[in-house]
Amino acid sequence: INGSMMEGLLIYALPLALFGGVVPTLFFTLGVPHIGGGLATILGAAELPMAALMSSIVLRENVHMLQWLGVAVI
């Protein structure tokens, strides 16, 4: 609405959407027949705790105890 996408933010938004959402999903979908359903389930379950851990370590984001509890519940 405020025009920020057309003033330069779109250059960063499109690659981020492509490499953050489309490519990992595509590669995971293509790889599942090769690794089997059991290992794919384990990898899918391990992704959320690893994302929370890496955001805490690498990006130095605050991951609160309630968020860790949500990861544990899932």
N, C-alpha and C. Protein backbone atom coordinates (compact mmCIF):
# COMPACT_ATOMS: atom_id res chain seq x y z
N ILE A 1 0.82 -1.19 0.00
CA ILE A 1 0.00 0.00 0.00
C ILE A 1 0.86 1.25 0.00
N ASN A 2 1.96 1.24 0.74
CA ASN A 2 2.77 2.45 0.82
C ASN A 2 3.82 2.53 -0.29
N GLY A 3 3.90 1.55 -1.17
CA GLY A 3 4.80 1.60 -2.31
C GLY A 3 6.20 1.11 -2.06
N SER A 4 6.49 0.58 -0.87
CA SER A 4 7.86 0.17 -0.56
C SER A 4 8.31 -1.04 -1.38
N MET A 5 7.38 -1.88 -1.83
CA MET A 5 7.76 -3.03 -2.65
C MET A 5 8.32 -2.59 -3.99
N MET A 6 7.75 -1.56 -4.56
CA MET A 6 8.20 -1.10 -5.87
C MET A 6 9.39 -0.16 -5.77
N GLU A 7 9.76 0.26 -4.57
CA GLU A 7 10.89 1.18 -4.40
C GLU A 7 12.17 0.47 -4.02
N GLY A 8 12.30 -0.82 -4.32
CA GLY A 8 13.55 -1.53 -4.07
C GLY A 8 13.44 -2.74 -3.19
N LEU A 9 12.36 -2.90 -2.47
CA LEU A 9 12.21 -4.06 -1.60
C LEU A 9 11.92 -5.32 -2.38
N LEU A 10 11.34 -5.19 -3.56
CA LEU A 10 11.00 -6.34 -4.38
C LEU A 10 12.24 -7.12 -4.83
N ILE A 11 13.36 -6.43 -4.98
CA ILE A 11 14.61 -7.07 -5.38
C ILE A 11 15.04 -8.11 -4.34
N TYR A 12 14.76 -7.83 -3.08
CA TYR A 12 15.13 -8.76 -2.00
C TYR A 12 14.03 -9.76 -1.70
N ALA A 13 12.78 -9.37 -1.90
CA ALA A 13 11.66 -10.23 -1.55
C ALA A 13 11.54 -11.43 -2.49
N LEU A 14 11.77 -11.25 -3.77
CA LEU A 14 11.63 -12.36 -4.71
C LEU A 14 12.68 -13.46 -4.51
N PRO A 15 13.97 -13.14 -4.39
CA PRO A 15 14.94 -14.23 -4.12
C PRO A 15 14.71 -14.89 -2.76
N LEU A 16 14.30 -14.10 -1.76
CA LEU A 16 14.03 -14.68 -0.45
C LEU A 16 12.87 -15.66 -0.52
N ALA A 17 11.84 -15.30 -1.25
CA ALA A 17 10.69 -16.21 -1.41
C ALA A 17 11.10 -17.45 -2.19
N LEU A 18 11.91 -17.27 -3.21
CA LEU A 18 12.33 -18.40 -4.03
C LEU A 18 13.21 -19.37 -3.23
N PHE A 19 14.27 -18.84 -2.62
CA PHE A 19 15.23 -19.71 -1.93
C PHE A 19 14.78 -20.09 -0.52
N GLY A 20 13.84 -19.38 0.05
CA GLY A 20 13.36 -19.71 1.38
C GLY A 20 12.13 -20.58 1.40
N GLY A 21 11.35 -20.55 0.34
CA GLY A 21 10.11 -21.31 0.34
C GLY A 21 9.97 -22.29 -0.79
N VAL A 22 10.30 -21.89 -1.98
CA VAL A 22 10.04 -22.74 -3.15
C VAL A 22 11.10 -23.82 -3.32
N VAL A 23 12.36 -23.44 -3.33
CA VAL A 23 13.44 -24.40 -3.60
C VAL A 23 13.53 -25.49 -2.52
N PRO A 24 13.52 -25.17 -1.21
CA PRO A 24 13.58 -26.25 -0.23
C PRO A 24 12.40 -27.22 -0.32
N THR A 25 11.21 -26.69 -0.53
CA THR A 25 10.05 -27.56 -0.65
C THR A 25 10.14 -28.44 -1.88
N LEU A 26 10.58 -27.88 -2.98
CA LEU A 26 10.74 -28.65 -4.21
C LEU A 26 11.77 -29.76 -4.04
N PHE A 27 12.93 -29.42 -3.47
CA PHE A 27 13.98 -30.42 -3.29
C PHE A 27 13.57 -31.50 -2.29
N PHE A 28 12.87 -31.12 -1.23
CA PHE A 28 12.41 -32.10 -0.26
C PHE A 28 11.42 -33.05 -0.92
N THR A 29 10.51 -32.50 -1.71
CA THR A 29 9.52 -33.32 -2.41
C THR A 29 10.19 -34.26 -3.40
N LEU A 30 11.20 -33.80 -4.10
CA LEU A 30 11.91 -34.65 -5.05
C LEU A 30 12.77 -35.69 -4.36
N GLY A 31 13.24 -35.40 -3.15
CA GLY A 31 14.13 -36.32 -2.45
C GLY A 31 13.44 -37.41 -1.67
N VAL A 32 12.17 -37.20 -1.31
CA VAL A 32 11.46 -38.18 -0.49
C VAL A 32 11.42 -39.57 -1.12
N PRO A 33 11.17 -39.73 -2.41
CA PRO A 33 11.19 -41.08 -2.97
C PRO A 33 12.55 -41.78 -2.87
N HIS A 34 13.61 -41.00 -2.79
CA HIS A 34 14.95 -41.58 -2.73
C HIS A 34 15.35 -41.98 -1.31
N ILE A 35 14.85 -41.26 -0.31
CA ILE A 35 15.26 -41.55 1.06
C ILE A 35 14.23 -42.35 1.84
N GLY A 36 13.00 -42.42 1.35
CA GLY A 36 11.96 -43.19 2.02
C GLY A 36 11.13 -42.33 2.96
N GLY A 37 9.97 -42.85 3.27
CA GLY A 37 9.02 -42.10 4.10
C GLY A 37 9.46 -41.94 5.54
N GLY A 38 10.11 -42.96 6.09
CA GLY A 38 10.54 -42.90 7.49
C GLY A 38 11.57 -41.82 7.73
N LEU A 39 12.60 -41.78 6.89
CA LEU A 39 13.63 -40.77 7.04
C LEU A 39 13.09 -39.38 6.72
N ALA A 40 12.18 -39.29 5.76
CA ALA A 40 11.56 -38.00 5.43
C ALA A 40 10.76 -37.47 6.62
N THR A 41 10.10 -38.36 7.35
CA THR A 41 9.36 -37.95 8.53
C THR A 41 10.29 -37.43 9.61
N ILE A 42 11.41 -38.11 9.81
CA ILE A 42 12.39 -37.67 10.80
C ILE A 42 12.97 -36.32 10.41
N LEU A 43 13.32 -36.15 9.14
CA LEU A 43 13.87 -34.87 8.69
C LEU A 43 12.85 -33.74 8.83
N GLY A 44 11.60 -34.03 8.51
CA GLY A 44 10.56 -33.02 8.66
C GLY A 44 10.33 -32.63 10.11
N ALA A 45 10.42 -33.61 11.02
CA ALA A 45 10.24 -33.33 12.44
C ALA A 45 11.44 -32.60 13.02
N ALA A 46 12.62 -32.82 12.49
CA ALA A 46 13.83 -32.19 13.01
C ALA A 46 14.01 -30.77 12.51
N GLU A 47 13.27 -30.38 11.50
CA GLU A 47 13.46 -29.06 10.88
C GLU A 47 13.05 -27.92 11.82
N LEU A 48 11.94 -28.05 12.51
CA LEU A 48 11.46 -26.97 13.37
C LEU A 48 12.39 -26.70 14.56
N PRO A 49 12.81 -27.72 15.33
CA PRO A 49 13.74 -27.42 16.42
C PRO A 49 15.08 -26.87 15.92
N MET A 50 15.54 -27.36 14.77
CA MET A 50 16.81 -26.86 14.24
C MET A 50 16.67 -25.41 13.78
N ALA A 51 15.54 -25.06 13.20
CA ALA A 51 15.32 -23.67 12.79
C ALA A 51 15.29 -22.74 14.00
N ALA A 52 14.65 -23.17 15.07
CA ALA A 52 14.61 -22.35 16.29
C ALA A 52 16.00 -22.23 16.90
N LEU A 53 16.74 -23.33 16.92
CA LEU A 53 18.09 -23.31 17.49
C LEU A 53 19.03 -22.43 16.67
N MET A 54 18.99 -22.56 15.35
CA MET A 54 19.87 -21.76 14.50
C MET A 54 19.50 -20.28 14.52
N SER A 55 18.20 -19.98 14.64
CA SER A 55 17.83 -18.56 14.73
C SER A 55 18.35 -17.97 16.03
N SER A 56 18.41 -18.78 17.07
CA SER A 56 18.94 -18.32 18.34
C SER A 56 20.46 -18.15 18.28
N ILE A 57 21.15 -19.13 17.69
CA ILE A 57 22.62 -19.10 17.68
C ILE A 57 23.16 -18.17 16.59
N VAL A 58 22.71 -18.37 15.36
CA VAL A 58 23.29 -17.63 14.23
C VAL A 58 22.77 -16.21 14.16
N LEU A 59 21.45 -16.06 14.26
CA LEU A 59 20.84 -14.73 14.10
C LEU A 59 20.73 -13.97 15.42
N ARG A 60 21.03 -14.63 16.52
CA ARG A 60 20.95 -14.05 17.85
C ARG A 60 19.56 -13.49 18.18
N GLU A 61 18.54 -14.23 17.73
CA GLU A 61 17.18 -13.86 18.07
C GLU A 61 16.82 -14.45 19.42
N ASN A 62 15.92 -13.78 20.12
CA ASN A 62 15.45 -14.31 21.40
C ASN A 62 14.37 -15.34 21.14
N VAL A 63 14.63 -16.56 21.53
CA VAL A 63 13.63 -17.63 21.45
C VAL A 63 13.17 -17.88 22.87
N HIS A 64 11.93 -17.50 23.16
CA HIS A 64 11.41 -17.56 24.52
C HIS A 64 11.02 -18.99 24.89
N MET A 65 10.87 -19.22 26.17
CA MET A 65 10.53 -20.55 26.67
C MET A 65 9.19 -21.03 26.13
N LEU A 66 8.24 -20.13 25.94
CA LEU A 66 6.95 -20.52 25.38
C LEU A 66 7.10 -21.02 23.94
N GLN A 67 8.02 -20.42 23.20
CA GLN A 67 8.28 -20.88 21.84
C GLN A 67 8.92 -22.26 21.85
N TRP A 68 9.86 -22.51 22.76
CA TRP A 68 10.46 -23.84 22.87
C TRP A 68 9.42 -24.86 23.30
N LEU A 69 8.50 -24.44 24.15
CA LEU A 69 7.43 -25.34 24.55
C LEU A 69 6.55 -25.70 23.35
N GLY A 70 6.29 -24.71 22.49
CA GLY A 70 5.53 -24.98 21.27
C GLY A 70 6.25 -25.94 20.33
N VAL A 71 7.57 -25.81 20.23
CA VAL A 71 8.36 -26.73 19.42
C VAL A 71 8.27 -28.13 20.00
N ALA A 72 8.34 -28.25 21.32
CA ALA A 72 8.27 -29.55 21.96
C ALA A 72 6.89 -30.19 21.79
N VAL A 73 5.85 -29.38 21.84
CA VAL A 73 4.50 -29.91 21.67
C VAL A 73 4.31 -30.42 20.25
N ILE A 74 4.80 -29.68 19.28
CA ILE A 74 4.67 -30.10 17.87
C ILE A 74 5.49 -31.34 17.63
